[in-house]
Amino acid sequence: MFKREIFLVVAVICSLIVLSGTCFAMRLLSQEEALKKVFGPDVQIVTENKELTEPALSKAKERLDGNLVFYQKGSKSKEVEAKTNFDFYFALKDGKKTGVAIIDDEPGKWGPVEFIVALDLQGAVTKVEVISYEEKRGQPIARHSFMGQFQGKTSKSPLKLYKDINGVSGATISSNCAIFAVKKAIILYETLYLNE
């Protein structure tokens, strides 16, 4: 009997050690839920697909420090495709556009993090949500206390960790991942819609 109890205790401890190093994939919202969360339930959504081509591609990359995807030193994330084709989701109320959102993946510490960034029609952030992630310690970036900091940010905002955005303790890569996703959404919208 004593051996069995020791075996169970050892098995539980081993399981906890294994789980503490495991990266969990978590889907927080479906695409439909994410769009409702950022725009509200009573709007019609229309999707417009835009291709980022030259010279706009070079200008956008320049504003994003040379890349459309932000890989950070220390990240163990699998590759995230640097795409040039983007879906813009517009909210319509009474037939008029009231806002726009972009859904995009960025590499976090342990895996891709999928964000939805909603903007007003002038390019200011109205809401940011995490749709899914593969993280060990970066989960707090999905909290409103972190994501709420982006509200009202524009391309004129610094969008820098510890300058105008407070990071999540122990999740620097995840925090920077979110900052880049927001900055990228603003720049893509400005480049493809406001600067036409």
N, C-alpha and C. Protein backbone atom coordinates (compact mmCIF):
# COMPACT_ATOMS: atom_id res chain seq x y z
N MET A 1 0.82 -1.19 0.00
CA MET A 1 0.00 0.00 0.00
C MET A 1 0.87 1.26 0.00
N PHE A 2 1.93 1.25 0.82
CA PHE A 2 2.82 2.39 0.92
C PHE A 2 3.52 2.67 -0.42
N LYS A 3 3.94 1.61 -1.13
CA LYS A 3 4.60 1.76 -2.43
C LYS A 3 3.64 2.40 -3.46
N ARG A 4 2.39 2.00 -3.38
CA ARG A 4 1.40 2.54 -4.32
C ARG A 4 1.21 4.04 -4.10
N GLU A 5 1.17 4.48 -2.85
CA GLU A 5 1.01 5.91 -2.55
C GLU A 5 2.22 6.70 -3.02
N ILE A 6 3.40 6.16 -2.81
CA ILE A 6 4.62 6.83 -3.28
C ILE A 6 4.62 6.92 -4.80
N PHE A 7 4.21 5.84 -5.45
CA PHE A 7 4.14 5.83 -6.91
C PHE A 7 3.18 6.92 -7.41
N LEU A 8 2.01 7.06 -6.78
CA LEU A 8 1.03 8.06 -7.17
C LEU A 8 1.57 9.48 -6.97
N VAL A 9 2.24 9.71 -5.86
CA VAL A 9 2.82 11.03 -5.59
C VAL A 9 3.88 11.36 -6.64
N VAL A 10 4.75 10.41 -6.95
CA VAL A 10 5.79 10.62 -7.96
C VAL A 10 5.15 10.86 -9.32
N ALA A 11 4.12 10.10 -9.66
CA ALA A 11 3.44 10.28 -10.95
C ALA A 11 2.81 11.67 -11.06
N VAL A 12 2.20 12.15 -9.98
CA VAL A 12 1.60 13.49 -9.99
C VAL A 12 2.67 14.56 -10.15
N ILE A 13 3.76 14.43 -9.42
CA ILE A 13 4.85 15.41 -9.52
C ILE A 13 5.43 15.43 -10.93
N CYS A 14 5.65 14.26 -11.52
CA CYS A 14 6.17 14.19 -12.89
C CYS A 14 5.20 14.83 -13.88
N SER A 15 3.93 14.59 -13.69
CA SER A 15 2.92 15.18 -14.58
C SER A 15 2.93 16.70 -14.48
N LEU A 16 3.05 17.22 -13.27
CA LEU A 16 3.10 18.67 -13.09
C LEU A 16 4.34 19.28 -13.73
N ILE A 17 5.46 18.60 -13.63
CA ILE A 17 6.69 19.09 -14.26
C ILE A 17 6.53 19.13 -15.77
N VAL A 18 5.98 18.07 -16.33
CA VAL A 18 5.77 18.03 -17.78
C VAL A 18 4.81 19.13 -18.22
N LEU A 19 3.71 19.30 -17.51
CA LEU A 19 2.71 20.30 -17.87
C LEU A 19 3.24 21.72 -17.72
N SER A 20 4.14 21.96 -16.77
CA SER A 20 4.66 23.31 -16.58
C SER A 20 5.50 23.76 -17.77
N GLY A 21 6.06 22.84 -18.52
CA GLY A 21 6.84 23.17 -19.70
C GLY A 21 6.06 23.04 -20.99
N THR A 22 4.79 22.73 -20.89
CA THR A 22 3.98 22.52 -22.08
C THR A 22 3.39 23.84 -22.55
N CYS A 23 3.34 23.99 -23.83
CA CYS A 23 2.74 25.16 -24.45
C CYS A 23 1.30 24.80 -24.83
N PHE A 24 0.36 25.59 -24.40
CA PHE A 24 -1.04 25.30 -24.67
C PHE A 24 -1.57 26.20 -25.78
N ALA A 25 -2.20 25.60 -26.76
CA ALA A 25 -2.89 26.37 -27.80
C ALA A 25 -4.29 26.64 -27.29
N MET A 26 -4.69 27.90 -27.38
CA MET A 26 -6.00 28.26 -26.87
C MET A 26 -6.71 29.17 -27.86
N ARG A 27 -7.91 28.77 -28.25
CA ARG A 27 -8.76 29.61 -29.10
C ARG A 27 -9.75 30.29 -28.18
N LEU A 28 -9.68 31.62 -28.12
CA LEU A 28 -10.55 32.39 -27.25
C LEU A 28 -11.84 32.80 -27.95
N LEU A 29 -11.73 33.10 -29.25
CA LEU A 29 -12.88 33.58 -30.02
C LEU A 29 -12.86 32.99 -31.42
N SER A 30 -14.02 32.76 -31.98
CA SER A 30 -14.09 32.44 -33.40
C SER A 30 -13.99 33.78 -34.14
N GLN A 31 -13.83 33.73 -35.43
CA GLN A 31 -13.76 34.97 -36.21
C GLN A 31 -15.07 35.76 -36.07
N GLU A 32 -16.18 35.06 -36.14
CA GLU A 32 -17.48 35.72 -36.00
C GLU A 32 -17.63 36.37 -34.62
N GLU A 33 -17.23 35.65 -33.58
CA GLU A 33 -17.31 36.21 -32.22
C GLU A 33 -16.40 37.43 -32.07
N ALA A 34 -15.21 37.35 -32.67
CA ALA A 34 -14.26 38.46 -32.58
C ALA A 34 -14.82 39.70 -33.26
N LEU A 35 -15.41 39.53 -34.43
CA LEU A 35 -15.99 40.68 -35.14
C LEU A 35 -17.15 41.29 -34.35
N LYS A 36 -17.99 40.45 -33.75
CA LYS A 36 -19.08 40.97 -32.91
C LYS A 36 -18.55 41.69 -31.68
N LYS A 37 -17.45 41.17 -31.13
CA LYS A 37 -16.89 41.77 -29.92
C LYS A 37 -16.32 43.17 -30.19
N VAL A 38 -15.72 43.36 -31.37
CA VAL A 38 -15.13 44.66 -31.65
C VAL A 38 -16.12 45.65 -32.27
N PHE A 39 -17.16 45.15 -32.95
CA PHE A 39 -18.11 46.04 -33.62
C PHE A 39 -19.49 46.08 -32.96
N GLY A 40 -19.81 45.08 -32.15
CA GLY A 40 -21.14 44.98 -31.59
C GLY A 40 -21.98 44.04 -32.44
N PRO A 41 -23.10 43.56 -31.89
CA PRO A 41 -23.89 42.54 -32.58
C PRO A 41 -24.81 43.06 -33.68
N ASP A 42 -25.08 44.35 -33.69
CA ASP A 42 -26.11 44.87 -34.59
C ASP A 42 -25.56 45.56 -35.84
N VAL A 43 -24.44 45.07 -36.34
CA VAL A 43 -23.89 45.66 -37.55
C VAL A 43 -23.74 44.60 -38.63
N GLN A 44 -23.78 45.06 -39.86
CA GLN A 44 -23.50 44.18 -40.98
C GLN A 44 -22.00 44.26 -41.24
N ILE A 45 -21.38 43.13 -41.58
CA ILE A 45 -19.94 43.09 -41.85
C ILE A 45 -19.74 42.78 -43.33
N VAL A 46 -18.92 43.61 -43.99
CA VAL A 46 -18.53 43.33 -45.37
C VAL A 46 -17.00 43.20 -45.41
N THR A 47 -16.53 42.28 -46.22
CA THR A 47 -15.10 42.02 -46.32
C THR A 47 -14.57 42.56 -47.64
N GLU A 48 -13.46 43.29 -47.54
CA GLU A 48 -12.77 43.78 -48.73
C GLU A 48 -11.35 43.22 -48.68
N ASN A 49 -10.92 42.62 -49.78
CA ASN A 49 -9.57 42.07 -49.86
C ASN A 49 -8.69 43.04 -50.63
N LYS A 50 -7.52 43.33 -50.06
CA LYS A 50 -6.59 44.26 -50.72
C LYS A 50 -5.22 43.62 -50.82
N GLU A 51 -4.56 43.86 -51.94
CA GLU A 51 -3.20 43.38 -52.19
C GLU A 51 -2.24 44.54 -51.96
N LEU A 52 -1.21 44.30 -51.17
CA LEU A 52 -0.18 45.30 -50.91
C LEU A 52 0.91 45.12 -51.97
N THR A 53 0.95 46.05 -52.94
CA THR A 53 1.91 45.97 -54.05
C THR A 53 2.83 47.18 -54.02
N GLU A 54 3.86 47.13 -54.83
CA GLU A 54 4.80 48.26 -54.91
C GLU A 54 4.09 49.47 -55.51
N PRO A 55 4.41 50.68 -55.10
CA PRO A 55 5.40 51.08 -54.12
C PRO A 55 4.89 51.06 -52.67
N ALA A 56 3.58 50.79 -52.50
CA ALA A 56 2.98 50.78 -51.16
C ALA A 56 3.62 49.72 -50.26
N LEU A 57 4.01 48.57 -50.84
CA LEU A 57 4.64 47.51 -50.05
C LEU A 57 5.93 47.99 -49.41
N SER A 58 6.77 48.64 -50.18
CA SER A 58 8.05 49.15 -49.65
C SER A 58 7.82 50.21 -48.58
N LYS A 59 6.84 51.08 -48.79
CA LYS A 59 6.54 52.13 -47.81
C LYS A 59 6.04 51.52 -46.50
N ALA A 60 5.15 50.52 -46.60
CA ALA A 60 4.64 49.87 -45.39
C ALA A 60 5.77 49.16 -44.65
N LYS A 61 6.61 48.42 -45.38
CA LYS A 61 7.74 47.73 -44.75
C LYS A 61 8.67 48.71 -44.06
N GLU A 62 8.94 49.84 -44.71
CA GLU A 62 9.81 50.86 -44.12
C GLU A 62 9.24 51.36 -42.80
N ARG A 63 7.95 51.60 -42.77
CA ARG A 63 7.30 52.08 -41.54
C ARG A 63 7.26 51.01 -40.45
N LEU A 64 7.41 49.73 -40.86
CA LEU A 64 7.41 48.60 -39.91
C LEU A 64 8.84 48.07 -39.69
N ASP A 65 9.81 48.95 -39.84
CA ASP A 65 11.23 48.61 -39.62
C ASP A 65 11.71 47.48 -40.53
N GLY A 66 11.19 47.43 -41.75
CA GLY A 66 11.71 46.52 -42.76
C GLY A 66 11.01 45.19 -42.93
N ASN A 67 10.04 44.86 -42.08
CA ASN A 67 9.40 43.55 -42.16
C ASN A 67 7.90 43.62 -41.97
N LEU A 68 7.19 42.68 -42.60
CA LEU A 68 5.75 42.55 -42.39
C LEU A 68 5.44 41.57 -41.26
N VAL A 69 6.46 40.86 -40.77
CA VAL A 69 6.32 39.95 -39.63
C VAL A 69 7.46 40.26 -38.67
N PHE A 70 7.17 40.30 -37.38
CA PHE A 70 8.15 40.70 -36.37
C PHE A 70 8.62 39.48 -35.58
N TYR A 71 9.79 38.94 -35.98
CA TYR A 71 10.40 37.84 -35.22
C TYR A 71 11.35 38.44 -34.19
N GLN A 72 11.23 37.98 -32.95
CA GLN A 72 12.05 38.51 -31.88
C GLN A 72 13.06 37.48 -31.40
N LYS A 73 14.21 37.96 -30.97
CA LYS A 73 15.22 37.08 -30.40
C LYS A 73 14.61 36.39 -29.18
N GLY A 74 14.77 35.08 -29.11
CA GLY A 74 14.22 34.31 -28.00
C GLY A 74 12.88 33.67 -28.31
N SER A 75 12.27 34.04 -29.43
CA SER A 75 10.99 33.44 -29.80
C SER A 75 11.20 32.02 -30.29
N LYS A 76 10.33 31.13 -29.87
CA LYS A 76 10.36 29.74 -30.31
C LYS A 76 9.17 29.43 -31.23
N SER A 77 8.52 30.49 -31.70
CA SER A 77 7.33 30.35 -32.54
C SER A 77 7.69 29.75 -33.88
N LYS A 78 6.75 28.96 -34.40
CA LYS A 78 6.92 28.48 -35.76
C LYS A 78 6.74 29.67 -36.71
N GLU A 79 7.14 29.46 -37.94
CA GLU A 79 7.08 30.53 -38.95
C GLU A 79 5.67 31.07 -39.11
N VAL A 80 5.59 32.38 -39.31
CA VAL A 80 4.35 33.04 -39.66
C VAL A 80 4.58 33.66 -41.03
N GLU A 81 3.68 33.37 -41.95
CA GLU A 81 3.84 33.82 -43.33
C GLU A 81 3.74 35.34 -43.43
N ALA A 82 4.69 35.93 -44.15
CA ALA A 82 4.65 37.37 -44.42
C ALA A 82 3.79 37.57 -45.66
N LYS A 83 2.50 37.76 -45.46
CA LYS A 83 1.58 37.87 -46.59
C LYS A 83 1.45 39.31 -47.06
N THR A 84 1.00 39.47 -48.28
CA THR A 84 0.79 40.80 -48.83
C THR A 84 -0.67 41.00 -49.25
N ASN A 85 -1.50 40.01 -48.97
CA ASN A 85 -2.92 40.05 -49.28
C ASN A 85 -3.70 40.06 -47.97
N PHE A 86 -4.54 41.06 -47.76
CA PHE A 86 -5.20 41.22 -46.47
C PHE A 86 -6.70 41.42 -46.62
N ASP A 87 -7.45 40.83 -45.68
CA ASP A 87 -8.89 41.05 -45.59
C ASP A 87 -9.15 42.18 -44.59
N PHE A 88 -9.95 43.14 -45.01
CA PHE A 88 -10.39 44.23 -44.14
C PHE A 88 -11.88 44.03 -43.92
N TYR A 89 -12.29 43.98 -42.66
CA TYR A 89 -13.68 43.75 -42.29
C TYR A 89 -14.29 45.09 -41.90
N PHE A 90 -15.24 45.54 -42.70
CA PHE A 90 -15.89 46.82 -42.42
C PHE A 90 -17.24 46.60 -41.76
N ALA A 91 -17.50 47.38 -40.72
CA ALA A 91 -18.81 47.38 -40.07
C ALA A 91 -19.69 48.39 -40.79
N LEU A 92 -20.90 47.97 -41.13
CA LEU A 92 -21.86 48.87 -41.78
C LEU A 92 -23.07 49.06 -40.88
N LYS A 93 -23.47 50.31 -40.74
CA LYS A 93 -24.70 50.63 -40.03
C LYS A 93 -25.49 51.57 -40.92
N ASP A 94 -26.71 51.19 -41.23
CA ASP A 94 -27.55 51.97 -42.16
C ASP A 94 -26.84 52.18 -43.49
N GLY A 95 -26.08 51.17 -43.93
CA GLY A 95 -25.41 51.22 -45.23
C GLY A 95 -24.12 52.01 -45.27
N LYS A 96 -23.70 52.57 -44.12
CA LYS A 96 -22.47 53.38 -44.08
C LYS A 96 -21.40 52.67 -43.25
N LYS A 97 -20.16 52.77 -43.71
CA LYS A 97 -19.04 52.20 -42.97
C LYS A 97 -18.86 52.96 -41.67
N THR A 98 -18.72 52.20 -40.57
CA THR A 98 -18.52 52.83 -39.26
C THR A 98 -17.18 52.45 -38.61
N GLY A 99 -16.55 51.41 -39.12
CA GLY A 99 -15.27 50.98 -38.57
C GLY A 99 -14.69 49.87 -39.42
N VAL A 100 -13.45 49.52 -39.13
CA VAL A 100 -12.74 48.49 -39.90
C VAL A 100 -11.92 47.64 -38.94
N ALA A 101 -11.75 46.38 -39.28
CA ALA A 101 -10.93 45.49 -38.46
C ALA A 101 -10.04 44.64 -39.35
N ILE A 102 -8.91 44.26 -38.80
CA ILE A 102 -7.95 43.39 -39.48
C ILE A 102 -7.64 42.24 -38.55
N ILE A 103 -7.63 41.02 -39.08
CA ILE A 103 -7.26 39.83 -38.31
C ILE A 103 -5.92 39.36 -38.86
N ASP A 104 -4.95 39.17 -37.96
CA ASP A 104 -3.60 38.81 -38.40
C ASP A 104 -2.89 38.00 -37.32
N ASP A 105 -1.94 37.17 -37.76
CA ASP A 105 -1.09 36.39 -36.86
C ASP A 105 0.28 37.03 -36.75
N GLU A 106 0.84 36.98 -35.56
CA GLU A 106 2.22 37.40 -35.34
C GLU A 106 2.90 36.35 -34.45
N PRO A 107 4.20 36.13 -34.63
CA PRO A 107 4.89 35.15 -33.79
C PRO A 107 5.08 35.64 -32.36
N GLY A 108 4.58 34.85 -31.41
CA GLY A 108 4.78 35.15 -30.00
C GLY A 108 6.01 34.42 -29.49
N LYS A 109 6.06 34.19 -28.21
CA LYS A 109 7.20 33.49 -27.62
C LYS A 109 7.21 32.02 -28.03
N TRP A 110 6.06 31.35 -27.93
CA TRP A 110 6.01 29.90 -28.15
C TRP A 110 5.26 29.49 -29.41
N GLY A 111 4.53 30.41 -29.99
CA GLY A 111 3.75 30.10 -31.18
C GLY A 111 3.03 31.33 -31.67
N PRO A 112 2.34 31.23 -32.79
CA PRO A 112 1.63 32.39 -33.34
C PRO A 112 0.51 32.86 -32.41
N VAL A 113 0.31 34.17 -32.40
CA VAL A 113 -0.79 34.79 -31.68
C VAL A 113 -1.65 35.47 -32.73
N GLU A 114 -2.95 35.17 -32.72
CA GLU A 114 -3.87 35.75 -33.68
C GLU A 114 -4.64 36.89 -33.02
N PHE A 115 -4.59 38.05 -33.66
CA PHE A 115 -5.21 39.26 -33.13
C PHE A 115 -6.30 39.76 -34.06
N ILE A 116 -7.26 40.48 -33.49
CA ILE A 116 -8.16 41.32 -34.28
C ILE A 116 -7.95 42.74 -33.76
N VAL A 117 -7.68 43.64 -34.70
CA VAL A 117 -7.46 45.05 -34.37
C VAL A 117 -8.54 45.85 -35.08
N ALA A 118 -9.36 46.55 -34.32
CA ALA A 118 -10.44 47.38 -34.88
C ALA A 118 -10.02 48.84 -34.83
N LEU A 119 -10.35 49.54 -35.91
CA LEU A 119 -10.00 50.96 -36.04
C LEU A 119 -11.23 51.75 -36.43
N ASP A 120 -11.21 53.06 -36.12
CA ASP A 120 -12.25 53.91 -36.69
C ASP A 120 -11.82 54.25 -38.11
N LEU A 121 -12.63 54.94 -38.85
CA LEU A 121 -12.35 55.19 -40.26
C LEU A 121 -11.20 56.17 -40.49
N GLN A 122 -10.74 56.83 -39.42
CA GLN A 122 -9.58 57.72 -39.51
C GLN A 122 -8.29 56.99 -39.15
N GLY A 123 -8.38 55.73 -38.69
CA GLY A 123 -7.20 54.94 -38.39
C GLY A 123 -6.80 54.89 -36.93
N ALA A 124 -7.67 55.31 -36.02
CA ALA A 124 -7.39 55.22 -34.59
C ALA A 124 -7.94 53.90 -34.05
N VAL A 125 -7.20 53.28 -33.15
CA VAL A 125 -7.61 51.99 -32.58
C VAL A 125 -8.84 52.16 -31.70
N THR A 126 -9.83 51.31 -31.92
CA THR A 126 -11.01 51.31 -31.06
C THR A 126 -11.03 50.11 -30.13
N LYS A 127 -10.47 48.97 -30.59
CA LYS A 127 -10.46 47.77 -29.75
C LYS A 127 -9.47 46.77 -30.31
N VAL A 128 -8.82 46.01 -29.41
CA VAL A 128 -7.90 44.94 -29.79
C VAL A 128 -8.25 43.72 -28.94
N GLU A 129 -8.32 42.57 -29.59
CA GLU A 129 -8.59 41.32 -28.88
C GLU A 129 -7.64 40.23 -29.39
N VAL A 130 -7.32 39.29 -28.50
CA VAL A 130 -6.58 38.10 -28.89
C VAL A 130 -7.63 37.05 -29.27
N ILE A 131 -7.48 36.48 -30.47
CA ILE A 131 -8.39 35.43 -30.92
C ILE A 131 -7.87 34.06 -30.49
N SER A 132 -6.57 33.84 -30.66
CA SER A 132 -5.96 32.57 -30.25
C SER A 132 -4.48 32.78 -29.99
N TYR A 133 -3.90 31.85 -29.22
CA TYR A 133 -2.46 31.92 -28.95
C TYR A 133 -1.93 30.55 -28.59
N GLU A 134 -0.62 30.41 -28.68
CA GLU A 134 0.11 29.24 -28.21
C GLU A 134 1.20 29.76 -27.30
N GLU A 135 0.88 29.94 -26.05
CA GLU A 135 1.82 30.55 -25.12
C GLU A 135 1.86 29.79 -23.80
N LYS A 136 2.96 29.97 -23.06
CA LYS A 136 3.08 29.44 -21.71
C LYS A 136 2.77 30.53 -20.70
N ARG A 137 3.43 31.68 -20.87
CA ARG A 137 3.26 32.75 -19.91
C ARG A 137 2.66 34.02 -20.52
N GLY A 138 2.40 34.03 -21.81
CA GLY A 138 1.92 35.24 -22.46
C GLY A 138 0.42 35.43 -22.42
N GLN A 139 -0.31 34.52 -21.75
CA GLN A 139 -1.77 34.61 -21.72
C GLN A 139 -2.29 35.96 -21.21
N PRO A 140 -1.61 36.61 -20.25
CA PRO A 140 -2.15 37.88 -19.76
C PRO A 140 -2.28 38.98 -20.82
N ILE A 141 -1.63 38.83 -21.97
CA ILE A 141 -1.82 39.86 -23.00
C ILE A 141 -3.25 39.87 -23.49
N ALA A 142 -3.99 38.79 -23.30
CA ALA A 142 -5.38 38.74 -23.74
C ALA A 142 -6.31 39.51 -22.79
N ARG A 143 -5.80 39.92 -21.65
CA ARG A 143 -6.64 40.64 -20.67
C ARG A 143 -6.90 42.07 -21.11
N HIS A 144 -8.06 42.57 -20.70
CA HIS A 144 -8.43 43.95 -21.03
C HIS A 144 -7.44 44.96 -20.44
N SER A 145 -6.86 44.65 -19.29
CA SER A 145 -5.92 45.58 -18.67
C SER A 145 -4.71 45.86 -19.56
N PHE A 146 -4.34 44.87 -20.39
CA PHE A 146 -3.25 45.09 -21.35
C PHE A 146 -3.80 45.63 -22.67
N MET A 147 -4.77 44.97 -23.25
CA MET A 147 -5.30 45.34 -24.56
C MET A 147 -5.96 46.72 -24.56
N GLY A 148 -6.53 47.11 -23.44
CA GLY A 148 -7.19 48.41 -23.35
C GLY A 148 -6.24 49.59 -23.55
N GLN A 149 -4.94 49.36 -23.37
CA GLN A 149 -3.95 50.44 -23.55
C GLN A 149 -3.87 50.93 -25.00
N PHE A 150 -4.31 50.11 -25.94
CA PHE A 150 -4.18 50.46 -27.35
C PHE A 150 -5.29 51.39 -27.84
N GLN A 151 -6.37 51.49 -27.09
CA GLN A 151 -7.50 52.30 -27.51
C GLN A 151 -7.05 53.75 -27.74
N GLY A 152 -7.42 54.28 -28.91
CA GLY A 152 -7.07 55.65 -29.26
C GLY A 152 -5.71 55.82 -29.91
N LYS A 153 -4.90 54.78 -29.96
CA LYS A 153 -3.57 54.87 -30.56
C LYS A 153 -3.70 55.05 -32.07
N THR A 154 -2.78 55.82 -32.63
CA THR A 154 -2.73 56.08 -34.07
C THR A 154 -1.30 55.88 -34.55
N SER A 155 -1.07 56.13 -35.83
CA SER A 155 0.29 56.00 -36.36
C SER A 155 1.22 57.07 -35.78
N LYS A 156 0.66 58.10 -35.17
CA LYS A 156 1.48 59.13 -34.54
C LYS A 156 1.88 58.75 -33.11
N SER A 157 1.27 57.71 -32.57
CA SER A 157 1.61 57.23 -31.21
C SER A 157 2.95 56.50 -31.26
N PRO A 158 3.74 56.57 -30.19
CA PRO A 158 5.04 55.87 -30.19
C PRO A 158 4.89 54.35 -30.39
N LEU A 159 3.87 53.74 -29.76
CA LEU A 159 3.67 52.29 -29.78
C LEU A 159 4.98 51.57 -29.48
N LYS A 160 5.50 51.86 -28.30
CA LYS A 160 6.75 51.27 -27.83
C LYS A 160 6.54 50.75 -26.41
N LEU A 161 7.11 49.59 -26.17
CA LEU A 161 7.02 48.98 -24.85
C LEU A 161 7.67 49.89 -23.81
N TYR A 162 6.96 50.15 -22.74
CA TYR A 162 7.36 50.98 -21.60
C TYR A 162 7.49 52.45 -21.94
N LYS A 163 7.08 52.84 -23.17
CA LYS A 163 7.00 54.26 -23.49
C LYS A 163 5.54 54.69 -23.40
N ASP A 164 4.69 54.08 -24.22
CA ASP A 164 3.25 54.37 -24.11
C ASP A 164 2.43 53.11 -23.88
N ILE A 165 3.10 51.95 -23.85
CA ILE A 165 2.43 50.67 -23.57
C ILE A 165 3.18 49.97 -22.44
N ASN A 166 2.47 49.64 -21.37
CA ASN A 166 3.06 48.87 -20.27
C ASN A 166 2.98 47.40 -20.61
N GLY A 167 4.12 46.72 -20.53
CA GLY A 167 4.16 45.30 -20.87
C GLY A 167 3.62 44.42 -19.76
N VAL A 168 3.46 43.16 -20.10
CA VAL A 168 3.05 42.15 -19.13
C VAL A 168 4.31 41.56 -18.54
N SER A 169 4.42 41.57 -17.23
CA SER A 169 5.61 41.05 -16.55
C SER A 169 5.84 39.59 -16.92
N GLY A 170 7.07 39.29 -17.36
CA GLY A 170 7.42 37.93 -17.73
C GLY A 170 6.96 37.54 -19.13
N ALA A 171 6.38 38.49 -19.86
CA ALA A 171 5.88 38.18 -21.22
C ALA A 171 6.27 39.31 -22.18
N THR A 172 7.55 39.65 -22.20
CA THR A 172 8.03 40.74 -23.04
C THR A 172 7.82 40.45 -24.52
N ILE A 173 8.14 39.23 -24.96
CA ILE A 173 7.98 38.89 -26.37
C ILE A 173 6.51 38.95 -26.77
N SER A 174 5.63 38.43 -25.94
CA SER A 174 4.19 38.49 -26.23
C SER A 174 3.69 39.93 -26.26
N SER A 175 4.18 40.75 -25.35
CA SER A 175 3.79 42.17 -25.32
C SER A 175 4.23 42.87 -26.59
N ASN A 176 5.48 42.65 -27.00
CA ASN A 176 5.98 43.27 -28.24
C ASN A 176 5.25 42.74 -29.47
N CYS A 177 4.87 41.48 -29.43
CA CYS A 177 4.10 40.87 -30.51
C CYS A 177 2.78 41.62 -30.69
N ALA A 178 2.09 41.91 -29.60
CA ALA A 178 0.82 42.64 -29.65
C ALA A 178 1.03 44.06 -30.17
N ILE A 179 2.07 44.72 -29.71
CA ILE A 179 2.37 46.08 -30.15
C ILE A 179 2.59 46.11 -31.66
N PHE A 180 3.36 45.14 -32.16
CA PHE A 180 3.63 45.10 -33.60
C PHE A 180 2.34 44.83 -34.38
N ALA A 181 1.50 43.94 -33.89
CA ALA A 181 0.24 43.63 -34.58
C ALA A 181 -0.64 44.87 -34.71
N VAL A 182 -0.69 45.68 -33.65
CA VAL A 182 -1.49 46.90 -33.68
C VAL A 182 -0.89 47.91 -34.65
N LYS A 183 0.42 48.10 -34.54
CA LYS A 183 1.10 49.04 -35.43
C LYS A 183 0.92 48.63 -36.90
N LYS A 184 1.05 47.35 -37.16
CA LYS A 184 0.90 46.84 -38.53
C LYS A 184 -0.52 47.09 -39.05
N ALA A 185 -1.53 46.83 -38.24
CA ALA A 185 -2.91 47.05 -38.66
C ALA A 185 -3.15 48.52 -39.03
N ILE A 186 -2.65 49.42 -38.20
CA ILE A 186 -2.80 50.85 -38.46
C ILE A 186 -2.12 51.22 -39.78
N ILE A 187 -0.90 50.77 -39.96
CA ILE A 187 -0.12 51.11 -41.15
C ILE A 187 -0.74 50.51 -42.41
N LEU A 188 -1.21 49.26 -42.33
CA LEU A 188 -1.86 48.65 -43.50
C LEU A 188 -3.11 49.43 -43.90
N TYR A 189 -3.92 49.80 -42.93
CA TYR A 189 -5.14 50.54 -43.23
C TYR A 189 -4.81 51.90 -43.83
N GLU A 190 -3.86 52.61 -43.22
CA GLU A 190 -3.47 53.92 -43.75
C GLU A 190 -2.93 53.79 -45.18
N THR A 191 -2.06 52.79 -45.38
CA THR A 191 -1.41 52.62 -46.68
C THR A 191 -2.42 52.25 -47.77
N LEU A 192 -3.32 51.34 -47.45
CA LEU A 192 -4.23 50.81 -48.48
C LEU A 192 -5.54 51.57 -48.62
N TYR A 193 -5.91 52.40 -47.64
CA TYR A 193 -7.17 53.12 -47.72
C TYR A 193 -7.02 54.63 -47.60
N LEU A 194 -6.29 55.09 -46.62
CA LEU A 194 -6.23 56.54 -46.39
C LEU A 194 -5.27 57.25 -47.31
N ASN A 195 -4.25 56.55 -47.80
CA ASN A 195 -3.26 57.19 -48.67
C ASN A 195 -3.48 56.91 -50.14
N GLU A 196 -4.66 56.40 -50.49
CA GLU A 196 -4.93 56.09 -51.91
C GLU A 196 -5.05 57.37 -52.72
